[in-house]
Amino acid sequence: MALGLVRQMMDLFNVYCDESCHLENDGETAMTLGAVWCPASRAKQSAADLRDLKAGHGMGRSFETKWTKVSPAGYHFYEAVIDYFFNQPDLHFRALVAHHKSRLRHDQFGQTHDTWYYKMYFQLLSVILDPTSRYAIYLDIKDTRSVSKLRKLGEVLCNNMYDFDRQIIARVQAVRSHEVEHVQLADLLTGIVSAANRKSAESTAKNQLISRVRERSGYDLTRTTLLREDKVNIFRWDPQQVAP
């Protein structure tokens, strides 16, 4: 069987990414990168289910689910989204939490903040990516640099997986979060993990959601989980100390 045909027959997974506190000088103590993934064959149905949840809670199907929008009035909707995620075996989440951003010394490692950012993204996704499957990776459009960042991220991922013909990583594409339910889910879960690690949830509703995810996952969200944990997988990264 031709290699190209074999590649086409491989299982395709969609990976939806989001990030929190990723800028170099934003004054935050930790950056969190998050990714939700599922079989591409299940993405359409789970997106429809998530829109149904919105409608069922009076939010409107076009409402954008976001961590920053969590409030007491909408708590039961967000709780329902969290429970939906945990009740669906095809949905998975991984987060990388890079602590102590103020301690980063890029010059001592011969890198820029952007280079470090791509390294962290590879650390996030390397556990998800399996060379026997294919992946379409979607990231929210954040700023005018999104296109160049996506191109560079695709190069880094493919080079590290020796995927020079782009057969494992089928695409790395920018999307608008308000149009993609799973990116919104990634935003919510990433925001929860980020707030848990920065101890910065500013409302009772947000603290309740953090507690809900801790309860459903069995993890406190601040420590590294087992590598093979595939429902809520957390990796805590701390900067290496370099002697002066």
Foldseek 3Di string as FASTA:
>chain_A
DDPVVLLVPFFEKEKAKDKDPLDLPPPAFKIKIKIKMFGPVCQVVVLVVLLVLCVVLVNHSLHQQAQVPFDPSCLVSVLVLLVVLLVDPRIWMEMEMEGGSVQDDCVVVVHDSLVVVLVSVCVRCVLVFDPRHAYEYEYEDDDPCVVVSQVVSVVVNCVVVVVVVRSRYVYYYYDHRSVGRNNSVRNNVRVLLSCLQRVNPDDPSSVVVNVSNCVSVVDNSNDADPSPDTHYGYHYHYDDDDDD
